[in-house]
Amino acid sequence: MLRANGLTRGQLWRLVTAQTGLLGLAAGLLSLPLGLALAAVMVHVVNRRSFGWTVRLDLAPEVFLQPLALTLGAALLAGLYPAWRMARTPPAEALREE
């Protein structure tokens, strides 16, 4: 549909890649506080209640950067095939399907 409105293949490729990258970044940023909260509950509540001991919760920057990079990379990798398919689909065929 966008190709029929004048987007080139390269522009469509960049648009789809940017969208999947932003979705991956949003998922990564939202997962950080939720993962931290879950880890705190597991360490301070579940371990103490189930086993009678707890461990120190280590909050190194690498612990936060690695999952963020992983979600961003996974989202970009997942967007490659749809971007390739959209860029190769002729505009007339896309309009017939819409």
PDB file of N, CA and C in Angstrom:
ATOM      1  N   MET A   1       0.824  -1.188   0.000  1.00  0.00           N
ATOM      2  CA  MET A   1       0.000   0.000   0.000  1.00  0.00           C
ATOM      3  C   MET A   1       0.874   1.260   0.000  1.00  0.00           C
ATOM      4  N   LEU A   2       1.889   1.270   0.818  1.00  0.00           N
ATOM      5  CA  LEU A   2       2.780   2.424   0.877  1.00  0.00           C
ATOM      6  C   LEU A   2       3.573   2.586  -0.416  1.00  0.00           C
ATOM      7  N   ARG A   3       3.923   1.472  -1.031  1.00  0.00           N
ATOM      8  CA  ARG A   3       4.642   1.550  -2.314  1.00  0.00           C
ATOM      9  C   ARG A   3       3.757   2.177  -3.374  1.00  0.00           C
ATOM     10  N   ALA A   4       2.456   1.897  -3.325  1.00  0.00           N
ATOM     11  CA  ALA A   4       1.535   2.480  -4.300  1.00  0.00           C
ATOM     12  C   ALA A   4       1.394   3.983  -4.082  1.00  0.00           C
ATOM     13  N   ASN A   5       1.655   4.446  -2.871  1.00  0.00           N
ATOM     14  CA  ASN A   5       1.587   5.879  -2.578  1.00  0.00           C
ATOM     15  C   ASN A   5       2.903   6.599  -2.819  1.00  0.00           C
ATOM     16  N   GLY A   6       3.929   5.879  -3.301  1.00  0.00           N
ATOM     17  CA  GLY A   6       5.144   6.545  -3.709  1.00  0.00           C
ATOM     18  C   GLY A   6       6.409   6.195  -2.942  1.00  0.00           C
ATOM     19  N   LEU A   7       6.347   5.318  -1.952  1.00  0.00           N
ATOM     20  CA  LEU A   7       7.559   4.922  -1.238  1.00  0.00           C
ATOM     21  C   LEU A   7       8.411   4.018  -2.115  1.00  0.00           C
ATOM     22  N   THR A   8       9.697   4.227  -2.067  1.00  0.00           N
ATOM     23  CA  THR A   8      10.605   3.345  -2.802  1.00  0.00           C
ATOM     24  C   THR A   8      10.858   2.103  -1.964  1.00  0.00           C
ATOM     25  N   ARG A   9      11.505   1.116  -2.568  1.00  0.00           N
ATOM     26  CA  ARG A   9      11.824  -0.110  -1.837  1.00  0.00           C
ATOM     27  C   ARG A   9      12.724   0.170  -0.638  1.00  0.00           C
ATOM     28  N   GLY A  10      13.706   1.017  -0.839  1.00  0.00           N
ATOM     29  CA  GLY A  10      14.625   1.355   0.247  1.00  0.00           C
ATOM     30  C   GLY A  10      13.937   2.081   1.393  1.00  0.00           C
ATOM     31  N   GLN A  11      13.035   2.996   1.045  1.00  0.00           N
ATOM     32  CA  GLN A  11      12.300   3.719   2.083  1.00  0.00           C
ATOM     33  C   GLN A  11      11.386   2.787   2.866  1.00  0.00           C
ATOM     34  N   LEU A  12      10.740   1.860   2.167  1.00  0.00           N
ATOM     35  CA  LEU A  12       9.878   0.895   2.842  1.00  0.00           C
ATOM     36  C   LEU A  12      10.700  -0.015   3.739  1.00  0.00           C
ATOM     37  N   TRP A  13      11.848  -0.440   3.256  1.00  0.00           N
ATOM     38  CA  TRP A  13      12.755  -1.283   4.044  1.00  0.00           C
ATOM     39  C   TRP A  13      13.155  -0.560   5.336  1.00  0.00           C
ATOM     40  N   ARG A  14      13.550   0.713   5.218  1.00  0.00           N
ATOM     41  CA  ARG A  14      13.956   1.486   6.390  1.00  0.00           C
ATOM     42  C   ARG A  14      12.794   1.715   7.341  1.00  0.00           C
ATOM     43  N   LEU A  15      11.597   1.941   6.817  1.00  0.00           N
ATOM     44  CA  LEU A  15      10.421   2.171   7.657  1.00  0.00           C
ATOM     45  C   LEU A  15      10.090   0.929   8.483  1.00  0.00           C
ATOM     46  N   VAL A  16      10.052  -0.217   7.837  1.00  0.00           N
ATOM     47  CA  VAL A  16       9.723  -1.455   8.545  1.00  0.00           C
ATOM     48  C   VAL A  16      10.810  -1.789   9.560  1.00  0.00           C
ATOM     49  N   THR A  17      12.059  -1.599   9.200  1.00  0.00           N
ATOM     50  CA  THR A  17      13.161  -1.873  10.124  1.00  0.00           C
ATOM     51  C   THR A  17      13.113  -0.921  11.317  1.00  0.00           C
ATOM     52  N   ALA A  18      12.810   0.341  11.073  1.00  0.00           N
ATOM     53  CA  ALA A  18      12.702   1.309  12.170  1.00  0.00           C
ATOM     54  C   ALA A  18      11.542   0.949  13.105  1.00  0.00           C
ATOM     55  N   GLN A  19      10.420   0.527  12.539  1.00  0.00           N
ATOM     56  CA  GLN A  19       9.277   0.149  13.367  1.00  0.00           C
ATOM     57  C   GLN A  19       9.597  -1.052  14.236  1.00  0.00           C
ATOM     58  N   THR A  20      10.208  -2.072  13.664  1.00  0.00           N
ATOM     59  CA  THR A  20      10.541  -3.250  14.471  1.00  0.00           C
ATOM     60  C   THR A  20      11.616  -2.915  15.500  1.00  0.00           C
ATOM     61  N   GLY A  21      12.544  -2.051  15.152  1.00  0.00           N
ATOM     62  CA  GLY A  21      13.558  -1.627  16.115  1.00  0.00           C
ATOM     63  C   GLY A  21      12.960  -0.871  17.280  1.00  0.00           C
ATOM     64  N   LEU A  22      12.018   0.025  17.006  1.00  0.00           N
ATOM     65  CA  LEU A  22      11.363   0.766  18.082  1.00  0.00           C
ATOM     66  C   LEU A  22      10.527  -0.148  18.964  1.00  0.00           C
ATOM     67  N   LEU A  23       9.860  -1.125  18.366  1.00  0.00           N
ATOM     68  CA  LEU A  23       9.100  -2.090  19.169  1.00  0.00           C
ATOM     69  C   LEU A  23      10.019  -2.911  20.067  1.00  0.00           C
ATOM     70  N   GLY A  24      11.160  -3.321  19.529  1.00  0.00           N
ATOM     71  CA  GLY A  24      12.124  -4.063  20.335  1.00  0.00           C
ATOM     72  C   GLY A  24      12.700  -3.224  21.453  1.00  0.00           C
ATOM     73  N   LEU A  25      12.992  -1.960  21.177  1.00  0.00           N
ATOM     74  CA  LEU A  25      13.511  -1.063  22.197  1.00  0.00           C
ATOM     75  C   LEU A  25      12.479  -0.826  23.294  1.00  0.00           C
ATOM     76  N   ALA A  26      11.220  -0.632  22.908  1.00  0.00           N
ATOM     77  CA  ALA A  26      10.154  -0.441  23.893  1.00  0.00           C
ATOM     78  C   ALA A  26       9.983  -1.688  24.755  1.00  0.00           C
ATOM     79  N   ALA A  27      10.014  -2.853  24.130  1.00  0.00           N
ATOM     80  CA  ALA A  27       9.887  -4.100  24.895  1.00  0.00           C
ATOM     81  C   ALA A  27      11.053  -4.261  25.853  1.00  0.00           C
ATOM     82  N   GLY A  28      12.252  -3.940  25.405  1.00  0.00           N
ATOM     83  CA  GLY A  28      13.419  -4.045  26.265  1.00  0.00           C
ATOM     84  C   GLY A  28      13.365  -3.085  27.431  1.00  0.00           C
ATOM     85  N   LEU A  29      12.948  -1.845  27.173  1.00  0.00           N
ATOM     86  CA  LEU A  29      12.867  -0.856  28.249  1.00  0.00           C
ATOM     87  C   LEU A  29      11.764  -1.186  29.248  1.00  0.00           C
ATOM     88  N   LEU A  30      10.656  -1.729  28.771  1.00  0.00           N
ATOM     89  CA  LEU A  30       9.581  -2.116  29.689  1.00  0.00           C
ATOM     90  C   LEU A  30       9.925  -3.370  30.496  1.00  0.00           C
ATOM     91  N   SER A  31      10.764  -4.221  29.924  1.00  0.00           N
ATOM     92  CA  SER A  31      11.102  -5.460  30.629  1.00  0.00           C
ATOM     93  C   SER A  31      12.090  -5.227  31.776  1.00  0.00           C
ATOM     94  N   LEU A  32      12.861  -4.159  31.723  1.00  0.00           N
ATOM     95  CA  LEU A  32      13.871  -3.920  32.756  1.00  0.00           C
ATOM     96  C   LEU A  32      13.265  -3.719  34.150  1.00  0.00           C
ATOM     97  N   PRO A  33      12.323  -2.791  34.352  1.00  0.00           N
ATOM     98  CA  PRO A  33      11.773  -2.657  35.701  1.00  0.00           C
ATOM     99  C   PRO A  33      10.941  -3.859  36.135  1.00  0.00           C
ATOM    100  N   LEU A  34      10.254  -4.485  35.188  1.00  0.00           N
ATOM    101  CA  LEU A  34       9.462  -5.665  35.549  1.00  0.00           C
ATOM    102  C   LEU A  34      10.365  -6.836  35.937  1.00  0.00           C
ATOM    103  N   GLY A  35      11.451  -7.018  35.216  1.00  0.00           N
ATOM    104  CA  GLY A  35      12.402  -8.070  35.560  1.00  0.00           C
ATOM    105  C   GLY A  35      13.087  -7.810  36.883  1.00  0.00           C
ATOM    106  N   LEU A  36      13.406  -6.554  37.152  1.00  0.00           N
ATOM    107  CA  LEU A  36      14.019  -6.202  38.426  1.00  0.00           C
ATOM    108  C   LEU A  36      13.065  -6.472  39.589  1.00  0.00           C
ATOM    109  N   ALA A  37      11.809  -6.119  39.421  1.00  0.00           N
ATOM    110  CA  ALA A  37      10.815  -6.383  40.470  1.00  0.00           C
ATOM    111  C   ALA A  37      10.643  -7.882  40.697  1.00  0.00           C
ATOM    112  N   LEU A  38      10.585  -8.654  39.630  1.00  0.00           N
ATOM    113  CA  LEU A  38      10.446 -10.100  39.759  1.00  0.00           C
ATOM    114  C   LEU A  38      11.665 -10.711  40.437  1.00  0.00           C
ATOM    115  N   ALA A  39      12.852 -10.240  40.085  1.00  0.00           N
ATOM    116  CA  ALA A  39      14.070 -10.748  40.716  1.00  0.00           C
ATOM    117  C   ALA A  39      14.094 -10.423  42.197  1.00  0.00           C
ATOM    118  N   ALA A  40      13.671  -9.213  42.575  1.00  0.00           N
ATOM    119  CA  ALA A  40      13.643  -8.834  43.991  1.00  0.00           C
ATOM    120  C   ALA A  40      12.673  -9.712  44.770  1.00  0.00           C
ATOM    121  N   VAL A  41      11.521  -9.986  44.202  1.00  0.00           N
ATOM    122  CA  VAL A  41      10.552 -10.864  44.879  1.00  0.00           C
ATOM    123  C   VAL A  41      11.115 -12.272  45.020  1.00  0.00           C
ATOM    124  N   MET A  42      11.731 -12.774  43.972  1.00  0.00           N
ATOM    125  CA  MET A  42      12.293 -14.128  44.040  1.00  0.00           C
ATOM    126  C   MET A  42      13.400 -14.226  45.081  1.00  0.00           C
ATOM    127  N   VAL A  43      14.284 -13.239  45.122  1.00  0.00           N
ATOM    128  CA  VAL A  43      15.427 -13.287  46.022  1.00  0.00           C
ATOM    129  C   VAL A  43      15.014 -13.067  47.470  1.00  0.00           C
ATOM    130  N   HIS A  44      14.184 -12.066  47.713  1.00  0.00           N
ATOM    131  CA  HIS A  44      13.891 -11.679  49.090  1.00  0.00           C
ATOM    132  C   HIS A  44      12.677 -12.368  49.687  1.00  0.00           C
ATOM    133  N   VAL A  45      11.771 -12.867  48.869  1.00  0.00           N
ATOM    134  CA  VAL A  45      10.566 -13.496  49.408  1.00  0.00           C
ATOM    135  C   VAL A  45      10.584 -15.004  49.197  1.00  0.00           C
ATOM    136  N   VAL A  46      10.689 -15.424  47.951  1.00  0.00           N
ATOM    137  CA  VAL A  46      10.559 -16.843  47.638  1.00  0.00           C
ATOM    138  C   VAL A  46      11.732 -17.646  48.201  1.00  0.00           C
ATOM    139  N   ASN A  47      12.955 -17.183  47.983  1.00  0.00           N
ATOM    140  CA  ASN A  47      14.104 -17.917  48.518  1.00  0.00           C
ATOM    141  C   ASN A  47      14.071 -17.983  50.036  1.00  0.00           C
ATOM    142  N   ARG A  48      13.775 -16.880  50.686  1.00  0.00           N
ATOM    143  CA  ARG A  48      13.739 -16.862  52.153  1.00  0.00           C
ATOM    144  C   ARG A  48      12.637 -17.783  52.668  1.00  0.00           C
ATOM    145  N   ARG A  49      11.481 -17.753  52.041  1.00  0.00           N
ATOM    146  CA  ARG A  49      10.350 -18.560  52.508  1.00  0.00           C
ATOM    147  C   ARG A  49      10.543 -20.042  52.194  1.00  0.00           C
ATOM    148  N   SER A  50      11.050 -20.347  51.035  1.00  0.00           N
ATOM    149  CA  SER A  50      11.178 -21.738  50.617  1.00  0.00           C
ATOM    150  C   SER A  50      12.427 -22.409  51.172  1.00  0.00           C
ATOM    151  N   PHE A  51      13.531 -21.689  51.227  1.00  0.00           N
ATOM    152  CA  PHE A  51      14.802 -22.314  51.574  1.00  0.00           C
ATOM    153  C   PHE A  51      15.419 -21.767  52.852  1.00  0.00           C
ATOM    154  N   GLY A  52      14.915 -20.648  53.350  1.00  0.00           N
ATOM    155  CA  GLY A  52      15.433 -20.085  54.572  1.00  0.00           C
ATOM    156  C   GLY A  52      16.685 -19.250  54.389  1.00  0.00           C
ATOM    157  N   TRP A  53      17.029 -18.904  53.167  1.00  0.00           N
ATOM    158  CA  TRP A  53      18.208 -18.079  52.921  1.00  0.00           C
ATOM    159  C   TRP A  53      17.924 -17.137  51.760  1.00  0.00           C
ATOM    160  N   THR A  54      18.777 -16.169  51.574  1.00  0.00           N
ATOM    161  CA  THR A  54      18.646 -15.222  50.474  1.00  0.00           C
ATOM    162  C   THR A  54      20.035 -14.901  49.932  1.00  0.00           C
ATOM    163  N   VAL A  55      20.105 -14.270  48.802  1.00  0.00           N
ATOM    164  CA  VAL A  55      21.370 -13.866  48.199  1.00  0.00           C
ATOM    165  C   VAL A  55      21.341 -12.360  47.987  1.00  0.00           C
ATOM    166  N   ARG A  56      22.504 -11.797  47.756  1.00  0.00           N
ATOM    167  CA  ARG A  56      22.605 -10.367  47.492  1.00  0.00           C
ATOM    168  C   ARG A  56      22.200 -10.115  46.036  1.00  0.00           C
ATOM    169  N   LEU A  57      21.377  -9.120  45.826  1.00  0.00           N
ATOM    170  CA  LEU A  57      20.924  -8.756  44.486  1.00  0.00           C
ATOM    171  C   LEU A  57      21.947  -7.801  43.875  1.00  0.00           C
ATOM    172  N   ASP A  58      22.604  -8.230  42.812  1.00  0.00           N
ATOM    173  CA  ASP A  58      23.653  -7.445  42.162  1.00  0.00           C
ATOM    174  C   ASP A  58      23.051  -6.666  40.997  1.00  0.00           C
ATOM    175  N   LEU A  59      23.216  -5.347  40.996  1.00  0.00           N
ATOM    176  CA  LEU A  59      22.628  -4.495  39.962  1.00  0.00           C
ATOM    177  C   LEU A  59      23.720  -3.843  39.111  1.00  0.00           C
ATOM    178  N   ALA A  60      24.503  -4.660  38.444  1.00  0.00           N
ATOM    179  CA  ALA A  60      25.559  -4.153  37.565  1.00  0.00           C
ATOM    180  C   ALA A  60      24.942  -3.621  36.269  1.00  0.00           C
ATOM    181  N   PRO A  61      25.553  -2.624  35.646  1.00  0.00           N
ATOM    182  CA  PRO A  61      24.991  -2.068  34.395  1.00  0.00           C
ATOM    183  C   PRO A  61      24.914  -3.093  33.268  1.00  0.00           C
ATOM    184  N   GLU A  62      25.846  -4.049  33.244  1.00  0.00           N
ATOM    185  CA  GLU A  62      25.815  -5.065  32.180  1.00  0.00           C
ATOM    186  C   GLU A  62      24.552  -5.909  32.253  1.00  0.00           C
ATOM    187  N   VAL A  63      24.041  -6.081  33.459  1.00  0.00           N
ATOM    188  CA  VAL A  63      22.832  -6.885  33.643  1.00  0.00           C
ATOM    189  C   VAL A  63      21.642  -6.215  32.969  1.00  0.00           C
ATOM    190  N   PHE A  64      21.665  -4.909  32.871  1.00  0.00           N
ATOM    191  CA  PHE A  64      20.575  -4.191  32.230  1.00  0.00           C
ATOM    192  C   PHE A  64      20.815  -3.986  30.738  1.00  0.00           C
ATOM    193  N   LEU A  65      22.058  -3.847  30.327  1.00  0.00           N
ATOM    194  CA  LEU A  65      22.354  -3.586  28.928  1.00  0.00           C
ATOM    195  C   LEU A  65      22.251  -4.832  28.049  1.00  0.00           C
ATOM    196  N   GLN A  66      22.595  -5.983  28.577  1.00  0.00           N
ATOM    197  CA  GLN A  66      22.548  -7.207  27.781  1.00  0.00           C
ATOM    198  C   GLN A  66      21.138  -7.566  27.334  1.00  0.00           C
ATOM    199  N   PRO A  67      20.134  -7.582  28.221  1.00  0.00           N
ATOM    200  CA  PRO A  67      18.788  -7.896  27.725  1.00  0.00           C
ATOM    201  C   PRO A  67      18.237  -6.834  26.781  1.00  0.00           C
ATOM    202  N   LEU A  68      18.615  -5.583  27.001  1.00  0.00           N
ATOM    203  CA  LEU A  68      18.172  -4.528  26.108  1.00  0.00           C
ATOM    204  C   LEU A  68      18.742  -4.742  24.707  1.00  0.00           C
ATOM    205  N   ALA A  69      20.012  -5.067  24.632  1.00  0.00           N
ATOM    206  CA  ALA A  69      20.641  -5.349  23.338  1.00  0.00           C
ATOM    207  C   ALA A  69      20.046  -6.609  22.709  1.00  0.00           C
ATOM    208  N   LEU A  70      19.736  -7.605  23.516  1.00  0.00           N
ATOM    209  CA  LEU A  70      19.151  -8.842  23.004  1.00  0.00           C
ATOM    210  C   LEU A  70      17.764  -8.599  22.410  1.00  0.00           C
ATOM    211  N   THR A  71      16.915  -7.842  23.103  1.00  0.00           N
ATOM    212  CA  THR A  71      15.573  -7.588  22.568  1.00  0.00           C
ATOM    213  C   THR A  71      15.627  -6.736  21.309  1.00  0.00           C
ATOM    214  N   LEU A  72      16.522  -5.755  21.296  1.00  0.00           N
ATOM    215  CA  LEU A  72      16.661  -4.918  20.106  1.00  0.00           C
ATOM    216  C   LEU A  72      17.167  -5.740  18.920  1.00  0.00           C
ATOM    217  N   GLY A  73      18.167  -6.574  19.161  1.00  0.00           N
ATOM    218  CA  GLY A  73      18.692  -7.428  18.087  1.00  0.00           C
ATOM    219  C   GLY A  73      17.680  -8.436  17.596  1.00  0.00           C
ATOM    220  N   ALA A  74      16.932  -9.039  18.516  1.00  0.00           N
ATOM    221  CA  ALA A  74      15.916 -10.020  18.125  1.00  0.00           C
ATOM    222  C   ALA A  74      14.803  -9.365  17.319  1.00  0.00           C
ATOM    223  N   ALA A  75      14.394  -8.169  17.716  1.00  0.00           N
ATOM    224  CA  ALA A  75      13.337  -7.473  16.977  1.00  0.00           C
ATOM    225  C   ALA A  75      13.804  -7.099  15.579  1.00  0.00           C
ATOM    226  N   LEU A  76      15.028  -6.614  15.470  1.00  0.00           N
ATOM    227  CA  LEU A  76      15.550  -6.259  14.146  1.00  0.00           C
ATOM    228  C   LEU A  76      15.696  -7.495  13.268  1.00  0.00           C
ATOM    229  N   LEU A  77      16.136  -8.586  13.848  1.00  0.00           N
ATOM    230  CA  LEU A  77      16.266  -9.827  13.094  1.00  0.00           C
ATOM    231  C   LEU A  77      14.896 -10.344  12.662  1.00  0.00           C
ATOM    232  N   ALA A  78      13.908 -10.211  13.528  1.00  0.00           N
ATOM    233  CA  ALA A  78      12.560 -10.665  13.186  1.00  0.00           C
ATOM    234  C   ALA A  78      11.922  -9.790  12.116  1.00  0.00           C
ATOM    235  N   GLY A  79      12.369  -8.560  11.967  1.00  0.00           N
ATOM    236  CA  GLY A  79      11.797  -7.665  10.971  1.00  0.00           C
ATOM    237  C   GLY A  79      12.429  -7.756   9.601  1.00  0.00           C
ATOM    238  N   LEU A  80      13.508  -8.513   9.473  1.00  0.00           N
ATOM    239  CA  LEU A  80      14.181  -8.599   8.172  1.00  0.00           C
ATOM    240  C   LEU A  80      13.320  -9.260   7.106  1.00  0.00           C
ATOM    241  N   TYR A  81      12.724 -10.394   7.416  1.00  0.00           N
ATOM    242  CA  TYR A  81      11.926 -11.109   6.412  1.00  0.00           C
ATOM    243  C   TYR A  81      10.677 -10.324   6.009  1.00  0.00           C
ATOM    244  N   PRO A  82       9.900  -9.769   6.954  1.00  0.00           N
ATOM    245  CA  PRO A  82       8.749  -8.967   6.512  1.00  0.00           C
ATOM    246  C   PRO A  82       9.155  -7.751   5.679  1.00  0.00           C
ATOM    247  N   ALA A  83      10.267  -7.110   6.041  1.00  0.00           N
ATOM    248  CA  ALA A  83      10.723  -5.956   5.256  1.00  0.00           C
ATOM    249  C   ALA A  83      11.115  -6.391   3.852  1.00  0.00           C
ATOM    250  N   TRP A  84      11.776  -7.511   3.733  1.00  0.00           N
ATOM    251  CA  TRP A  84      12.176  -8.035   2.432  1.00  0.00           C
ATOM    252  C   TRP A  84      10.948  -8.361   1.587  1.00  0.00           C
ATOM    253  N   ARG A  85       9.949  -9.027   2.219  1.00  0.00           N
ATOM    254  CA  ARG A  85       8.728  -9.387   1.490  1.00  0.00           C
ATOM    255  C   ARG A  85       7.957  -8.159   1.042  1.00  0.00           C
ATOM    256  N   MET A  86       7.834  -7.176   1.921  1.00  0.00           N
ATOM    257  CA  MET A  86       7.088  -5.962   1.560  1.00  0.00           C
ATOM    258  C   MET A  86       7.786  -5.188   0.449  1.00  0.00           C
ATOM    259  N   ALA A  87       9.098  -5.140   0.507  1.00  0.00           N
ATOM    260  CA  ALA A  87       9.835  -4.397  -0.511  1.00  0.00           C
ATOM    261  C   ALA A  87       9.760  -5.076  -1.872  1.00  0.00           C
ATOM    262  N   ARG A  88       9.617  -6.390  -1.896  1.00  0.00           N
ATOM    263  CA  ARG A  88       9.587  -7.121  -3.163  1.00  0.00           C
ATOM    264  C   ARG A  88       8.181  -7.258  -3.740  1.00  0.00           C
ATOM    265  N   THR A  89       7.142  -7.051  -2.943  1.00  0.00           N
ATOM    266  CA  THR A  89       5.774  -7.197  -3.426  1.00  0.00           C
ATOM    267  C   THR A  89       5.431  -6.048  -4.375  1.00  0.00           C
ATOM    268  N   PRO A  90       4.939  -6.368  -5.559  1.00  0.00           N
ATOM    269  CA  PRO A  90       4.543  -5.294  -6.502  1.00  0.00           C
ATOM    270  C   PRO A  90       3.372  -4.493  -5.926  1.00  0.00           C
ATOM    271  N   PRO A  91       3.358  -3.185  -6.122  1.00  0.00           N
ATOM    272  CA  PRO A  91       2.287  -2.356  -5.572  1.00  0.00           C
ATOM    273  C   PRO A  91       0.886  -2.774  -6.019  1.00  0.00           C
ATOM    274  N   ALA A  92       0.743  -3.211  -7.266  1.00  0.00           N
ATOM    275  CA  ALA A  92      -0.581  -3.605  -7.762  1.00  0.00           C
ATOM    276  C   ALA A  92      -1.098  -4.831  -7.001  1.00  0.00           C
ATOM    277  N   GLU A  93      -0.226  -5.782  -6.724  1.00  0.00           N
ATOM    278  CA  GLU A  93      -0.627  -6.970  -5.967  1.00  0.00           C
ATOM    279  C   GLU A  93      -1.012  -6.611  -4.546  1.00  0.00           C
ATOM    280  N   ALA A  94      -0.259  -5.706  -3.926  1.00  0.00           N
ATOM    281  CA  ALA A  94      -0.584  -5.279  -2.558  1.00  0.00           C
ATOM    282  C   ALA A  94      -1.933  -4.573  -2.515  1.00  0.00           C
ATOM    283  N   LEU A  95      -2.239  -3.784  -3.548  1.00  0.00           N
ATOM    284  CA  LEU A  95      -3.541  -3.088  -3.585  1.00  0.00           C
ATOM    285  C   LEU A  95      -4.684  -4.073  -3.783  1.00  0.00           C
ATOM    286  N   ARG A  96      -4.460  -5.127  -4.556  1.00  0.00           N
ATOM    287  CA  ARG A  96      -5.514  -6.139  -4.749  1.00  0.00           C
ATOM    288  C   ARG A  96      -5.832  -6.860  -3.440  1.00  0.00           C
ATOM    289  N   GLU A  97      -4.815  -7.089  -2.626  1.00  0.00           N
ATOM    290  CA  GLU A  97      -5.009  -7.812  -1.365  1.00  0.00           C
ATOM    291  C   GLU A  97      -5.674  -6.932  -0.310  1.00  0.00           C
ATOM    292  N   GLU A  98      -5.464  -5.634  -0.382  1.00  0.00           N
ATOM    293  CA  GLU A  98      -6.065  -4.719   0.599  1.00  0.00           C
ATOM    294  C   GLU A  98      -7.498  -4.532   0.229  1.00  0.00           C
TER     295      GLU A  98
END
